[in-house]
Protein backbone atom coordinates (compact mmCIF):
# COMPACT_ATOMS: atom_id res chain seq x y z
CA MET A 1 123.46 -10.39 147.20
CA LEU A 2 126.78 -9.99 149.12
CA HIS A 3 127.92 -7.89 146.41
CA MET A 4 125.03 -5.47 146.46
CA LYS A 5 125.46 -5.04 150.19
CA ARG A 6 129.05 -4.04 149.71
CA GLN A 7 128.17 -1.45 147.16
CA MET A 8 125.44 -0.01 149.49
CA PHE A 9 128.05 0.09 152.39
CA PHE A 10 130.74 1.91 150.33
CA ALA A 11 128.05 4.40 149.05
CA ALA A 12 127.06 5.18 152.69
CA VAL A 13 130.54 5.67 153.70
CA SER A 14 131.28 7.99 150.81
CA ALA A 15 128.16 10.12 151.60
CA LEU A 16 129.44 10.34 155.31
CA VAL A 17 132.98 11.54 154.17
CA PHE A 18 131.41 14.01 151.75
CA ALA A 19 129.15 15.44 154.46
CA ALA A 20 131.94 15.59 157.03
CA GLY A 21 134.01 17.61 154.38
CA LEU A 22 131.27 20.11 153.95
CA PHE A 23 131.00 20.48 157.92
CA THR A 24 134.58 20.86 158.34
CA ALA A 25 134.87 23.47 155.47
CA ALA A 26 132.07 25.52 156.89
CA ALA A 27 133.57 25.38 160.37
CA GLN A 28 137.05 26.76 159.23
CA PRO A 29 137.59 30.46 159.42
CA SER A 30 138.03 32.52 156.15
CA ASN A 31 141.71 33.05 155.07
CA ALA A 32 140.73 36.01 152.78
CA VAL A 33 142.71 39.22 153.86
CA ALA A 34 140.97 42.53 153.60
CA SER A 35 143.09 44.88 151.40
CA ALA A 36 144.28 48.04 152.89
CA PRO A 37 142.49 51.33 151.85
CA VAL A 38 144.25 53.17 149.06
CA PHE A 39 145.50 56.59 150.06
CA ALA A 40 143.96 59.17 147.69
CA PRO A 41 145.56 62.52 148.17
CA ASP A 42 143.27 65.43 148.52
CA TYR A 43 143.97 68.09 145.74
CA SER A 44 141.07 70.34 146.34
CA HIS A 45 143.13 72.80 148.35
CA ALA A 46 146.40 72.54 146.42
CA SER A 47 145.86 75.81 144.52
CA GLU A 48 145.09 77.59 147.64
CA PRO A 49 147.70 79.56 149.69
CA LEU A 50 148.67 77.61 152.83
CA PRO A 51 147.21 79.35 155.95
CA ASP A 52 149.67 80.61 158.44
CA GLY A 53 150.12 78.35 161.49
CA VAL A 54 149.68 75.08 159.69
CA ILE A 55 153.44 74.39 159.09
CA ASP A 56 155.99 76.24 161.07
CA TRP A 57 159.00 76.72 158.92
CA ASP A 58 162.58 77.65 160.35
CA GLY A 59 162.51 80.47 157.48
CA LEU A 60 160.73 81.16 154.25
CA ILE A 61 163.57 83.26 152.66
CA LYS A 62 167.18 81.96 152.94
CA ALA A 63 170.35 83.54 151.55
CA THR A 64 173.98 82.47 151.15
CA ASP A 65 177.26 83.56 149.70
CA ALA A 66 179.08 81.61 147.01
CA THR A 67 182.56 82.03 145.54
CA ASN A 68 183.19 82.29 141.86
CA GLY A 69 183.89 78.88 140.54
CA GLN A 70 181.74 77.18 143.46
CA ASP A 71 179.65 74.40 141.85
CA PHE A 72 176.50 74.34 144.05
CA ALA A 73 174.70 76.46 146.64
CA ARG A 74 173.05 74.28 149.23
CA PHE A 75 170.06 75.21 151.68
CA THR A 76 168.22 73.32 154.27
CA PHE A 77 164.65 73.85 155.44
CA SER A 78 163.20 72.49 158.50
CA PHE A 79 159.73 72.65 159.52
CA THR A 80 156.99 71.25 162.00
CA ASN A 81 153.46 70.16 161.49
CA ALA A 82 151.65 72.60 163.77
CA PHE A 83 148.28 71.51 162.63
CA THR A 84 145.88 69.35 164.46
CA ASN A 85 145.88 66.61 162.02
CA GLN A 86 148.33 65.11 159.44
CA ILE A 87 149.42 67.10 156.45
CA THR A 88 150.63 65.54 153.19
CA ILE A 89 153.16 67.25 150.86
CA LEU A 90 151.82 66.44 147.37
CA ASN A 91 154.62 68.14 145.20
CA VAL A 92 157.68 70.16 145.50
CA HIS A 93 158.36 72.24 142.31
CA PRO A 94 161.51 74.19 141.95
CA SER A 95 161.47 77.33 139.69
CA CYS A 96 164.02 76.04 137.27
CA GLY A 97 165.96 73.10 136.20
CA CYS A 98 169.14 74.08 138.00
CA THR A 99 167.43 73.87 141.29
CA THR A 100 166.66 70.39 142.74
CA ALA A 101 165.05 69.43 146.11
CA GLU A 102 165.83 66.38 148.18
CA LEU A 103 162.93 64.95 150.23
CA PRO A 104 161.10 61.54 150.77
CA PRO A 105 158.90 60.23 147.94
CA VAL A 106 155.70 62.24 147.55
CA PRO A 107 153.02 62.04 148.85
CA TRP A 108 154.79 62.56 151.99
CA THR A 109 152.69 62.53 155.03
CA ILE A 110 153.80 64.18 158.20
CA PRO A 111 151.93 63.37 161.35
CA ALA A 112 150.65 66.27 163.61
CA GLY A 113 153.49 67.62 165.71
CA SER A 114 156.16 65.97 163.71
CA ASN A 115 159.09 67.64 161.96
CA GLY A 116 160.43 67.32 158.52
CA LEU A 117 163.71 68.32 156.68
CA MET A 118 163.88 69.49 153.02
CA LYS A 119 167.32 70.02 151.26
CA ILE A 120 167.59 72.40 148.25
CA SER A 121 170.68 72.57 145.77
CA VAL A 122 171.15 75.10 143.05
CA ASN A 123 173.62 74.51 140.33
CA LEU A 124 175.88 77.43 139.91
CA GLN A 125 177.97 76.62 136.89
CA GLY A 126 177.97 79.40 134.38
CA LYS A 127 176.32 81.78 136.65
CA ALA A 128 177.44 84.98 138.14
CA GLY A 129 175.97 87.92 140.21
CA THR A 130 172.97 87.62 142.50
CA LEU A 131 170.49 84.68 141.77
CA PHE A 132 166.96 84.50 142.99
CA LYS A 133 165.25 81.04 143.00
CA SER A 134 161.92 79.79 144.38
CA VAL A 135 160.51 76.35 145.36
CA ASN A 136 156.83 75.67 145.44
CA VAL A 137 155.77 73.31 148.15
CA THR A 138 152.29 72.01 147.62
CA THR A 139 150.30 70.38 150.43
CA ASP A 140 146.75 69.10 150.87
CA ARG A 141 146.11 72.21 152.78
CA GLY A 142 147.57 74.72 150.43
CA TYR A 143 150.88 75.72 148.93
CA LYS A 144 153.80 77.76 150.13
CA ASN A 145 156.72 79.29 148.16
CA LEU A 146 160.28 79.07 149.54
CA MET A 147 162.69 81.80 148.34
CA LEU A 148 166.36 81.52 147.82
CA ARG A 149 169.08 84.24 147.13
CA ILE A 150 172.63 83.34 146.17
CA ASN A 151 175.20 86.22 146.04
CA ILE A 152 178.18 84.90 143.83
CA ALA A 153 181.40 86.91 144.47
CA PRO A 154 183.06 88.31 141.40
CA PRO A 155 186.29 86.50 140.30
CA VAL A 156 189.44 87.47 141.84
CA ILE A 157 191.78 88.59 139.37
CA VAL A 158 195.33 87.78 140.48
CA GLN A 159 197.73 90.64 140.34
CA MET A 160 201.27 89.60 139.34
CA THR A 161 204.56 91.13 140.58
CA GLU A 162 206.88 92.57 138.06
CA GLU A 163 209.38 89.50 138.66
CA GLN A 164 206.40 86.97 137.97
CA ARG A 165 205.40 88.83 134.82
CA ALA A 166 208.77 88.90 133.59
CA ALA A 167 209.30 85.12 134.24
CA GLY A 168 205.92 84.49 132.57
CA VAL A 169 206.73 86.62 129.55
CA ALA A 170 210.17 84.77 128.98
CA ALA A 171 208.37 81.42 129.22
CA ALA A 172 205.69 82.40 126.76
CA LYS A 173 208.33 83.65 124.39
CA THR A 174 209.95 80.10 124.33
CA ASP A 175 206.42 78.45 124.32
CA ARG A 176 203.31 80.33 124.09
CA GLN A 177 201.34 77.39 125.39
CA ALA A 178 203.42 77.63 128.62
CA VAL A 179 200.60 79.53 130.32
CA PHE A 180 198.64 76.32 130.40
CA LYS A 181 201.45 74.35 132.15
CA GLY A 182 203.14 74.40 135.65
CA ASP A 183 202.60 77.24 138.03
CA CYS A 184 200.98 79.27 135.25
CA ALA A 185 198.07 76.72 135.01
CA SER A 186 196.87 77.69 138.53
CA CYS A 187 195.62 81.10 137.02
CA HIS A 188 195.03 80.40 133.29
CA VAL A 189 193.36 76.92 133.65
CA LYS A 190 191.70 77.07 137.06
CA ASN A 191 187.96 76.50 137.51
CA ILE A 192 187.03 76.54 133.78
CA GLN A 193 185.16 73.06 133.76
CA GLY A 194 181.48 73.66 132.73
CA LYS A 195 181.90 77.36 132.34
CA PHE A 196 180.74 79.37 129.27
CA GLY A 197 180.54 82.96 128.15
CA GLN A 198 181.09 85.56 130.71
CA PRO A 199 182.18 83.19 133.60
CA LEU A 200 184.50 81.59 131.32
CA PHE A 201 186.04 84.91 130.23
CA GLU A 202 186.44 86.13 133.76
CA ALA A 203 188.12 82.68 134.57
CA ILE A 204 190.59 82.49 131.84
CA CYS A 205 190.95 85.55 129.82
CA ALA A 206 190.53 88.27 132.48
CA VAL A 207 193.65 87.49 134.24
CA CYS A 208 195.58 88.97 131.34
CA HIS A 209 193.29 91.33 129.38
CA GLU A 210 191.55 92.90 132.39
CA ALA A 211 194.42 92.93 134.74
CA ASN A 212 195.08 96.44 136.49
CA PRO A 213 197.55 97.41 135.41
CA ARG A 214 197.54 95.51 132.13
CA ALA A 215 200.94 94.48 130.74
CA SER A 216 202.02 96.71 127.72
CA MET A 217 202.42 93.64 125.51
CA VAL A 218 198.65 92.54 126.08
CA PRO A 219 196.16 94.19 123.83
CA ASP A 220 193.28 96.09 125.11
CA LEU A 221 190.36 94.07 123.62
CA HIS A 222 188.04 97.06 123.76
CA ASN A 223 190.10 99.21 121.54
CA LEU A 224 191.51 96.86 118.77
CA LYS A 225 192.28 98.39 115.40
CA ASP A 226 191.48 95.32 113.52
CA PRO A 227 187.85 94.60 112.32
CA THR A 228 186.07 92.39 114.77
CA SER A 229 183.22 89.76 114.34
CA GLU A 230 182.35 86.56 116.06
CA GLU A 231 184.32 84.66 113.46
CA PHE A 232 187.32 86.96 114.39
CA TRP A 233 187.18 86.01 118.03
CA ARG A 234 186.54 82.31 117.40
CA THR A 235 189.59 82.37 115.17
CA TRP A 236 191.79 84.01 117.66
CA VAL A 237 190.68 82.16 120.82
CA THR A 238 191.12 78.77 118.89
CA SER A 239 194.58 79.22 117.51
CA GLY A 240 196.04 82.32 119.07
CA LYS A 241 198.69 83.87 117.00
CA ALA A 242 202.29 82.27 116.43
CA GLY A 243 205.21 84.71 117.22
CA THR A 244 203.22 86.30 119.86
CA LEU A 245 202.43 85.69 123.65
CA MET A 246 198.70 84.66 122.50
CA PRO A 247 198.30 80.97 123.10
CA ALA A 248 196.03 78.62 121.14
CA PHE A 249 193.09 77.70 123.55
CA ALA A 250 191.55 74.81 121.53
CA THR A 251 192.24 71.39 122.91
CA ALA A 252 193.15 70.16 119.52
CA GLN A 253 196.27 72.54 119.60
CA GLY A 254 197.05 71.80 123.21
CA GLY A 255 194.85 74.31 124.98
CA PRO A 256 192.20 73.79 127.72
CA LEU A 257 188.84 74.61 125.89
CA ASN A 258 186.59 72.52 123.85
CA ASP A 259 184.63 73.94 120.82
CA MET A 260 181.44 74.89 122.67
CA GLN A 261 183.46 76.96 125.24
CA ILE A 262 185.35 78.61 122.48
CA ALA A 263 182.03 79.33 120.59
CA SER A 264 180.58 80.86 123.88
CA LEU A 265 183.56 83.09 124.29
CA ALA A 266 183.35 84.22 120.69
CA ALA A 267 179.58 85.11 121.23
CA TYR A 268 180.39 86.76 124.48
CA LEU A 269 183.11 89.00 123.13
CA ASN A 270 181.01 89.86 119.98
CA ALA A 271 178.30 90.99 122.38
CA ILE A 272 180.05 93.36 124.73
CA ILE A 273 182.61 94.58 122.00
CA PRO A 274 180.49 96.02 119.23
CA PRO A 275 181.89 94.75 115.89
CA HIS A 276 183.49 97.38 113.78
CA ALA A 277 184.90 97.40 110.08
CA ALA A 278 188.46 98.29 109.29
CA VAL A 279 189.11 101.91 109.05
CA PRO A 280 189.97 102.78 105.32
CA ALA A 281 193.33 104.07 104.62
CA THR A 282 193.53 107.87 103.96
CA ASN A 283 195.79 107.57 101.05
CA ALA A 284 193.55 105.17 99.11
CA PRO A 285 193.18 106.08 95.48
CA ALA A 286 189.84 107.86 94.82
CA ALA A 287 187.21 105.82 93.20
CA LYS A 288 186.74 106.54 89.53
């Protein structure tokens, strides 16, 4: 009998504890946190021109001058959100791979009345003359094109005095690779890194072959008597000619140019100087 009463007592206590737990759990506030709404950019107007007055730019067309051999041209565009609501920049797309834009990760939201800054860089290696680039800025209100112009100054061909020329010739007669050493290197090996074709020719060859006046011992490349071809130019640039002032430009022979640069010079020279065959001798025997 006593045993049965104990069982009934413990059963009643357990029921009370269980009920209390249910009551306590129901009374506790929920710990669940509502997730923040996911931002979904609006692309419905992305293909439309951005109306005037939505973004005030400090300029839509910018120009700069660059020196021959300069690595990059850099631009900065600043703007203000003049709209009554926030604006989101969805994408910034330069016109070519040599142009890059520096800005916060997109989508980039600019509150109404706030300012923004966008930096643009153009890689100038291997380029000459006047360049035109564009950057397309796409927003949730439409797109706008920013225009860039870079004027690259032509290379400065150093004019040597007669004394300097005589000293250079004397050094080259002893060692034709002397043009790549000492003071001579400042003209013959300056700013050639990353250059190919015409810019490379202007940087390393024109100092002698396009000099005005050109030294009498330096041949006029446009009026050679020998037959020319792309292979002809590649051979001369690579190895030069022993016993003359023409050095070997290949790195394997103590020069400053790699194989790709030499190939680009050969292709450029072959393009601007039309190949021609050897002029047959006038006293050659008649064909039978």
